[in-house]
Structures are given as structure tokens and as C-alpha cells.
Protein backbone atom coordinates (compact mmCIF):
# COMPACT_ATOMS: atom_id res chain seq x y z
CA MET A 1 43.56 -28.28 130.39
CA LEU A 2 41.27 -26.07 128.36
CA PHE A 3 41.01 -25.95 124.60
CA SER A 4 40.63 -22.33 123.45
CA LEU A 5 38.75 -22.24 120.13
CA VAL A 6 37.63 -18.77 119.15
CA LEU A 7 36.88 -19.24 115.46
CA VAL A 8 35.25 -17.49 112.53
CA ALA A 9 33.20 -19.25 109.88
CA THR A 10 36.17 -19.69 107.52
CA SER A 11 38.48 -21.34 110.06
CA CYS A 12 38.34 -24.52 112.06
CA THR A 13 40.37 -26.48 114.60
CA ALA A 14 40.18 -30.19 115.29
CA ILE A 15 39.26 -31.47 118.73
CA SER A 16 40.16 -34.98 119.79
CA VAL A 17 38.05 -35.77 122.84
CA SER A 18 40.32 -36.90 125.69
CA SER A 19 40.44 -36.66 129.46
CA PRO A 20 41.89 -33.33 130.55
CA SER A 21 44.65 -33.80 133.08
CA GLY A 22 43.42 -33.68 136.67
CA SER A 23 39.84 -32.93 135.69
CA ARG A 24 38.09 -36.23 136.40
CA GLY A 25 36.30 -36.85 139.64
CA ALA A 26 36.37 -40.12 141.49
CA SER A 27 34.29 -42.79 139.76
CA PRO A 28 31.29 -43.60 141.93
CA SER A 29 30.15 -47.19 142.21
CA HIS A 30 27.10 -48.40 140.33
CA SER A 31 24.00 -48.06 142.43
CA ALA A 32 20.56 -49.56 142.23
CA PRO A 33 17.81 -46.93 141.99
CA THR A 34 16.30 -45.80 145.29
CA THR A 35 12.88 -44.33 145.88
CA SER A 36 12.49 -41.27 148.03
CA PRO A 37 9.92 -41.90 150.85
CA GLU A 38 8.29 -38.56 150.00
CA VAL A 39 7.26 -39.84 146.58
CA ALA A 40 7.10 -43.59 147.19
CA ALA A 41 3.37 -43.73 146.37
CA ASP A 42 3.65 -41.76 143.10
CA ARG A 43 3.12 -43.69 139.90
CA LEU A 44 3.14 -43.21 136.20
CA ILE A 45 0.19 -43.99 133.90
CA ILE A 46 -0.41 -44.01 130.14
CA GLY A 47 -2.29 -40.86 129.17
CA ALA A 48 -3.58 -39.61 125.83
CA ARG A 49 -2.78 -41.56 122.69
CA SER A 50 -2.60 -39.62 119.39
CA ARG A 51 -2.59 -40.97 115.85
CA THR A 52 0.00 -39.10 113.84
CA ASP A 53 1.87 -39.19 110.56
CA GLY A 54 5.22 -38.55 112.35
CA TRP A 55 7.46 -39.99 115.03
CA VAL A 56 9.90 -37.19 115.96
CA VAL A 57 8.32 -35.45 118.96
CA MET A 58 9.17 -32.34 120.99
CA ALA A 59 6.95 -30.69 123.64
CA ASP A 60 6.88 -27.09 124.85
CA GLY A 61 4.34 -24.55 126.14
CA PHE A 62 2.81 -24.34 122.70
CA GLY A 63 1.97 -28.04 122.31
CA VAL A 64 3.53 -31.32 121.27
CA HIS A 65 5.11 -30.99 117.89
CA VAL A 66 5.34 -34.14 115.76
CA ALA A 67 7.41 -34.42 112.56
CA GLY A 68 7.86 -37.24 110.14
CA GLY A 69 7.47 -38.19 106.49
CA GLY A 70 7.58 -34.60 105.30
CA THR A 71 4.78 -33.35 107.60
CA LEU A 72 4.54 -31.42 110.88
CA GLN A 73 1.62 -31.73 113.32
CA ASN A 74 0.76 -30.15 116.65
CA LEU A 75 -0.95 -32.05 119.52
CA ASP A 76 -2.80 -30.42 122.36
CA LEU A 77 -0.77 -30.79 125.58
CA GLU A 78 -3.74 -32.16 127.53
CA THR A 79 -6.13 -33.84 125.12
CA GLY A 80 -3.64 -35.00 122.51
CA GLN A 81 -5.88 -33.78 119.70
CA SER A 82 -4.10 -33.02 116.49
CA SER A 83 -4.31 -29.57 114.88
CA GLU A 84 -2.53 -27.75 112.02
CA VAL A 85 -0.25 -29.72 109.62
CA ALA A 86 2.55 -28.18 107.63
CA HIS A 87 3.92 -29.99 104.62
CA ILE A 88 7.72 -29.76 104.58
CA GLY A 89 8.44 -31.68 101.38
CA SER A 90 11.99 -33.01 101.29
CA TRP A 91 12.60 -35.44 104.15
CA ASP A 92 15.38 -37.64 105.50
CA TYR A 93 14.09 -40.63 107.52
CA ASP A 94 17.34 -41.15 109.43
CA PHE A 95 18.51 -37.60 110.31
CA SER A 96 15.56 -35.58 111.68
CA ARG A 97 15.46 -33.37 114.70
CA LEU A 98 13.14 -30.73 116.23
CA GLY A 99 14.28 -27.74 118.26
CA ARG A 100 12.58 -24.88 120.10
CA TYR A 101 13.12 -21.49 118.60
CA GLY A 102 10.89 -19.25 120.74
CA GLU A 103 7.34 -17.84 120.99
CA GLY A 104 5.90 -21.01 119.39
CA SER A 105 8.40 -21.15 116.51
CA LEU A 106 10.44 -24.26 115.75
CA TRP A 107 13.63 -25.43 114.17
CA LEU A 108 13.30 -28.59 112.04
CA ALA A 109 16.45 -30.29 110.81
CA SER A 110 16.18 -33.13 108.31
CA GLY A 111 19.10 -34.52 106.36
CA HIS A 112 21.09 -31.55 104.98
CA ASP A 113 18.24 -29.03 105.41
CA LEU A 114 17.15 -26.73 108.23
CA TRP A 115 13.75 -24.98 108.38
CA ASP A 116 12.66 -22.01 110.51
CA ILE A 117 8.97 -22.65 111.14
CA ALA A 118 6.71 -20.02 112.71
CA GLY A 119 4.04 -21.59 114.87
CA SER A 120 1.56 -18.81 115.60
CA PRO A 121 -1.25 -18.75 114.67
CA GLN A 122 -0.39 -21.73 112.41
CA TYR A 123 2.70 -23.38 111.07
CA VAL A 124 4.39 -21.37 108.32
CA ILE A 125 7.82 -22.05 106.87
CA SER A 126 9.66 -18.78 107.37
CA GLN A 127 13.04 -19.81 105.92
CA GLN A 128 14.88 -22.83 104.62
CA TYR A 129 18.67 -23.26 104.84
CA ASP A 130 20.56 -25.67 102.62
CA LEU A 131 23.49 -26.89 104.75
CA HIS A 132 24.88 -29.60 102.46
CA ARG A 133 28.33 -28.11 103.04
CA LEU A 134 28.17 -29.20 106.71
CA GLY A 135 26.95 -32.75 106.18
CA TYR A 136 23.98 -34.46 107.82
CA LEU A 137 22.49 -32.43 110.65
CA SER A 138 22.61 -34.38 113.97
CA GLY A 139 21.18 -31.76 116.26
CA ILE A 140 19.75 -28.24 116.60
CA LEU A 141 19.76 -25.95 119.70
CA GLN A 142 18.47 -22.49 120.29
CA ALA A 143 20.53 -21.55 123.30
CA SER A 144 19.02 -19.64 126.25
CA PRO A 145 20.22 -16.17 127.13
CA ALA A 146 22.38 -17.73 129.84
CA ALA A 147 24.27 -19.60 127.08
CA GLY A 148 24.53 -16.65 124.73
CA GLY A 149 21.19 -17.11 122.93
CA GLY A 150 22.80 -18.40 119.71
CA THR A 151 21.57 -20.95 117.22
CA TRP A 152 23.72 -24.08 117.16
CA VAL A 153 23.76 -27.07 114.81
CA GLY A 154 25.62 -30.31 114.89
CA ALA A 155 26.58 -32.15 111.72
CA THR A 156 28.22 -35.45 110.87
CA GLY A 157 30.62 -35.65 107.99
CA ASP A 158 28.95 -36.17 104.62
CA GLY A 159 31.24 -38.92 103.39
CA ARG A 160 34.04 -37.49 105.54
CA PRO A 161 35.22 -38.67 108.94
CA GLY A 162 34.19 -36.72 111.99
CA GLY A 163 31.86 -33.74 112.19
CA LEU A 164 31.37 -30.32 113.71
CA ILE A 165 29.18 -28.07 115.80
CA ALA A 166 28.60 -24.54 114.50
CA GLU A 167 26.84 -21.37 115.48
CA LEU A 168 24.48 -20.22 112.69
CA ASP A 169 23.41 -16.70 111.80
CA PRO A 170 19.61 -17.15 111.34
CA ASP A 171 19.39 -14.01 109.17
CA SER A 172 21.92 -15.01 106.52
CA GLY A 173 22.41 -18.76 107.08
CA SER A 174 26.18 -18.24 107.34
CA LEU A 175 28.33 -19.68 110.11
CA ILE A 176 29.57 -17.42 112.86
CA ARG A 177 32.02 -19.96 114.18
CA ARG A 178 32.53 -23.72 114.03
CA PHE A 179 34.35 -26.41 115.93
CA ILE A 180 35.57 -29.59 114.18
CA ILE A 181 35.22 -32.84 116.14
CA ARG A 182 37.03 -35.90 114.87
CA ASP A 183 34.51 -38.40 116.25
CA GLY A 184 31.14 -36.71 116.34
CA PRO A 185 28.97 -34.96 117.14
CA GLY A 186 25.62 -36.35 118.12
CA THR A 187 23.02 -34.71 120.30
CA ILE A 188 23.35 -31.02 121.26
CA THR A 189 21.88 -29.70 124.51
CA GLU A 190 22.47 -27.04 127.09
CA ALA A 191 23.32 -27.13 130.85
CA ASP A 192 24.19 -24.35 133.27
CA GLY A 193 24.97 -21.83 130.50
CA TYR A 194 27.12 -24.21 128.44
CA VAL A 195 26.49 -25.81 125.05
CA ILE A 196 26.95 -29.59 125.32
CA ALA A 197 27.54 -31.96 122.40
CA THR A 198 28.00 -35.73 122.51
CA THR A 199 30.89 -37.23 120.54
CA GLY A 200 32.02 -40.72 119.60
CA SER A 201 33.93 -41.10 122.87
CA GLY A 202 32.60 -38.54 125.25
CA ILE A 203 31.10 -35.12 126.00
CA LEU A 204 32.22 -31.76 124.68
CA ARG A 205 31.38 -28.71 126.81
CA LEU A 206 31.53 -25.40 124.93
CA ASN A 207 31.50 -22.04 126.66
CA PRO A 208 29.72 -19.77 124.08
CA ARG A 209 30.82 -16.62 125.91
CA THR A 210 34.56 -17.35 125.62
CA GLY A 211 34.63 -19.85 122.73
CA ARG A 212 36.53 -22.35 124.92
CA ALA A 213 35.77 -26.01 124.46
CA ARG A 214 36.53 -28.75 126.98
CA PRO A 215 36.26 -32.43 126.11
CA GLN A 216 35.57 -35.20 128.65
CA HIS A 217 36.53 -38.69 127.58
CA ILE A 218 34.09 -41.38 128.77
CA GLY A 219 35.15 -44.17 126.46
CA VAL A 220 31.75 -44.71 124.74
CA PHE A 221 29.34 -42.89 122.51
CA PRO A 222 26.51 -41.64 124.81
CA GLN A 223 23.37 -43.16 123.41
CA GLY A 224 21.13 -40.74 125.24
CA VAL A 225 21.82 -37.36 126.88
CA ALA A 226 19.74 -34.78 128.72
CA SER A 227 20.26 -31.98 131.21
CA THR A 228 18.68 -31.26 134.57
CA ARG A 229 19.73 -27.76 135.65
CA ASP A 230 23.50 -27.95 136.29
CA ARG A 231 23.86 -31.68 135.50
CA ILE A 232 24.24 -33.72 132.33
CA TRP A 233 22.90 -37.31 132.34
CA TRP A 234 23.96 -39.86 129.68
CA VAL A 235 23.34 -43.51 128.91
CA GLY A 236 26.39 -45.73 129.04
CA ASP A 237 26.18 -49.47 128.51
CA GLY A 238 22.38 -49.55 128.26
CA ASP A 239 21.77 -50.39 131.90
CA VAL A 240 23.29 -47.38 133.61
CA ILE A 241 22.58 -43.65 133.45
CA ASN A 242 25.54 -41.46 134.47
CA CYS A 243 25.76 -37.93 135.85
CA LEU A 244 28.26 -35.13 135.08
CA LEU A 245 28.20 -31.96 137.12
CA MET A 246 28.78 -28.57 135.46
CA PRO A 247 30.94 -26.65 135.12
CA ALA A 248 33.79 -29.02 136.12
CA LEU A 249 32.42 -32.05 134.19
CA ALA A 250 32.94 -34.00 137.38
CA ALA A 251 31.23 -37.37 137.84
CA CYS A 252 28.22 -37.02 140.20
CA GLY A 253 26.75 -40.56 140.34
CA ARG A 254 25.28 -43.43 138.45
CA VAL A 255 21.87 -45.10 138.57
CA ARG A 256 21.21 -48.58 137.20
CA LEU A 257 18.11 -48.81 135.05
CA PRO A 258 17.79 -51.87 132.79
CA ARG A 259 17.89 -51.19 129.04
CA ALA A 260 17.96 -47.40 129.44
CA SER A 261 18.20 -45.83 125.97
CA MET A 262 16.57 -42.35 125.80
CA LEU A 263 16.59 -39.44 128.26
CA SER A 264 14.68 -36.16 128.49
CA GLY A 265 15.19 -33.43 131.02
CA ASP A 266 12.29 -31.43 132.52
CA GLY A 267 13.64 -28.88 134.97
CA SER A 268 15.05 -30.94 137.82
CA ARG A 269 13.24 -34.09 136.64
CA LEU A 270 14.81 -36.73 134.40
CA TRP A 271 12.61 -39.02 132.31
CA VAL A 272 14.19 -42.33 131.25
CA LEU A 273 12.91 -44.61 128.43
CA SER A 274 14.08 -48.23 128.49
CA GLU A 275 13.69 -50.17 125.26
CA THR A 276 12.17 -53.63 125.05
CA GLY A 277 14.23 -56.77 125.42
CA SER A 278 14.26 -59.57 122.85
CA ARG A 279 13.75 -63.36 122.90
CA ASP A 280 16.37 -63.85 120.25
CA PRO A 281 19.51 -61.70 120.00
CA SER A 282 19.88 -62.34 116.30
CA ILE A 283 16.58 -60.64 115.39
CA TYR A 284 14.43 -57.83 116.76
CA LEU A 285 11.59 -59.66 118.48
CA PRO A 286 10.13 -57.95 121.57
CA ASP A 287 9.88 -59.94 124.79
CA PRO A 288 6.55 -59.35 126.63
CA SER A 289 8.34 -59.82 129.92
CA GLU A 290 10.74 -56.94 129.12
CA PRO A 291 8.53 -54.27 127.53
CA THR A 292 9.39 -50.66 126.74
CA THR A 293 9.14 -48.72 130.04
CA VAL A 294 9.38 -45.12 131.29
CA THR A 295 10.77 -44.16 134.69
CA LEU A 296 10.84 -40.71 136.31
CA VAL A 297 14.03 -39.86 138.22
CA ASP A 298 14.99 -36.95 140.45
CA GLY A 299 17.60 -35.31 138.25
CA MET A 300 19.44 -33.80 141.18
CA THR A 301 19.72 -36.82 143.43
CA GLY A 302 19.17 -39.85 141.18
CA ASP A 303 16.26 -41.11 143.31
CA ILE A 304 13.35 -42.79 141.60
CA ILE A 305 10.24 -40.60 141.73
CA ALA A 306 7.81 -42.86 139.92
CA GLY A 307 7.60 -45.82 137.57
CA PRO A 308 8.47 -47.76 135.63
CA VAL A 309 5.32 -47.94 133.56
CA ALA A 310 5.16 -50.44 130.70
CA ILE A 311 4.22 -49.45 127.15
CA HIS A 312 3.60 -52.42 124.83
CA HIS A 313 5.03 -50.89 121.70
CA HIS A 314 8.52 -51.80 120.49
CA THR A 315 9.69 -49.08 118.05
CA PRO A 316 10.24 -45.90 120.11
CA ALA A 317 11.84 -43.31 117.84
CA SER A 318 11.90 -40.19 120.02
CA PHE A 319 11.24 -39.05 123.58
CA THR A 320 10.42 -35.65 125.05
CA ALA A 321 9.25 -34.21 128.37
CA TYR A 322 7.66 -31.00 129.50
CA ASP A 323 5.88 -29.74 132.59
CA GLY A 324 5.57 -33.03 134.40
CA HIS A 325 4.64 -35.23 131.36
CA ALA A 326 6.50 -37.24 128.75
CA TRP A 327 5.68 -38.22 125.19
CA ILE A 328 7.02 -41.03 123.03
CA GLY A 329 6.88 -41.11 119.27
CA PHE A 330 6.73 -44.62 117.71
CA HIS A 331 8.00 -45.10 114.18
CA ASP A 332 6.02 -48.19 113.13
CA ASP A 333 2.78 -47.55 115.01
CA GLU A 334 2.11 -44.00 113.79
CA GLU A 335 1.20 -43.05 117.36
CA VAL A 336 2.37 -40.68 120.09
CA ILE A 337 1.73 -41.71 123.70
CA ARG A 338 1.68 -39.37 126.67
CA ILE A 339 2.93 -40.51 130.08
CA ASP A 340 1.39 -38.84 133.14
CA ARG A 341 2.49 -38.79 136.79
CA LEU A 342 -0.07 -39.35 139.55
CA SER A 343 1.18 -37.79 142.76
CA THR A 344 -0.13 -38.34 146.26
CA ASN A 345 1.50 -35.04 147.32
CA GLY A 346 -0.59 -32.82 145.05
């Protein structure tokens, strides 16, 4: 069953995420991670460490962008050295996201505000949008041409139940169309030409070319979500990462990784961050025997490529991957750490 939702900015339709009749694939059994013999000797190491004022990280071909506390920094992809800093001003510590815009430019969402930031030759705030009418911004996505090339934002209700995803006109700041979601949304990403949003009980797949939205009920709020080509991966109960294959939203496997919490896609690779354990469940006290770790997974097969590697910090705030590396932003330590892969296959 498909939900057809072709909407203009002044209209909206509620979506209650549920399992479409006959659309769910057979549930695969939980599986322990396997290591492909071709990459069995590969390993992950801790690379450059960068002192920063921020903790929200996003990497692309123009550098590693770090936001936090009203500032924006850029780190060199290889050396980790910090460069230009832009001062944003107003800042929300709980709702902050970075998004690629193109040609070095960025989207920065914080609280109710969205900034268009030009990144060449240095950071310049091109435009600011006040989106209080939408609520708190939970995600920002500049879709690829395959997904229509639009600018999409997610927002949670500002004192209201539910939320929405909306396509934004960057020239005027007005909404082209919007989709109300009763129990979300959270993260927004893209896979196989579709815009994907997490909700309180599942995944919403939006076809930007037709305006049709299809929900997939999975019974939990996905704590982490990332795409690897035509697949979506999401974190379930904290020890399992799950795969959904586009365009059918059919289950395509599960991999057990202890304490998995954050995911980042990098082409066909999937980087998985597992948060630290605790000695005492009543307080947050890291257990040295269960440190924060990063594992590299084949995003098409679920095989382990390399890792895990342990990082002895316990407040990971954000996680990003690009071109064979991953970066972690830590809230309390004011540091960004790069993770590198050492391959025996060149």
C-alpha cells in the first residue's frame, strides 16, 4: 500500500507509520559478524587528533567541518589542522546538524534556525532562515540529482506532538511541500534516489519525484541510520544493526555488534560506532573493559572489514565518514579523532 502525498506548502497530511500489507520481507535471524578472508588482516588505527571548540562533525571533499557552541571550524582531511572559524551566534546545544550543500558550502541547522554557509575561500554566512514555525530542526539534507536535488529539513513539534519533513526553497525560505509525521522525524538521509526519514516507530521512504511516501514499521525508534548505495542500515536494540533494501524496504540482514549506537555510510562501506559500557547502570560511568569502539563493515554484505578499534573517550556526540576514514566528535573532550584503515591489499 502506497501513501500518495503530493502537497503544497499550505497543506499537510498526517502519516502514521505502519507496516504496508504484504511489503515486509522474511525476518532474517540475528548473525554474528563475519570477516571476509580478503580483508582479514586489515585493521583500524587512531589517526590525527584535533582540538576544537565543537563536537558536531561532517566530512566531505572540502575538509572536516566541526560545529559547536556558536562556532564553525574546518579541519584538514589528512593532518587534522584547524583553519578558518565562522562565528554563528545563536546556538542550540541539543538540536544541531550539519549538511552538505555543494562546492564546499554547508547547511547548519541549530534549534529553530538554518544557515546557508559558503565555504570557499572561507566560511561566510550567505543566508539565515528562521524556521520557528516548523519546530526544532532534527535534520538537513541536500538531495542528489538522483533524488531530485531538493533541500529537505526535518523538524520535531515545538510543544506539539509529532513533526514533519519539508522541502525548502533556498531562495525564499518558503516550503514547497511538507509531510506531517505523527511520531517523528529524526535523521534524514538518502538512498537509491529516495529521501529517508526515521520516525518514532520506523522508517519513512519518500519518492521526491512522485511525492509518494511509504512507511515501514519496525517497532522502535532507530537510534542510528545510514545508507550504503541501495541499502539503509539502522540500529535497533543497541546490539544489532539492521539492513533494509531499496526500493522495496525489504529486510536484507542483521549483524550483531555490541553497543552499536551511531552509523555513517561511505559509499559501500558502513562505519559503526559502539558506545562505552558502564560499571553501574544507575549512573554514566565508563567501563574500561567496554570502551567506545569503531568497526568497519561491508555495507553490501554485512561482513566485517576491519576493527573494532578502541577509543578511550566516553562522550561521542557525532560520527561521520568520508573516503575511507571516519571522524568522531566528543562533546566533553573538545576533540575530534580520525580513524584510519590500514589495508594489506593496497
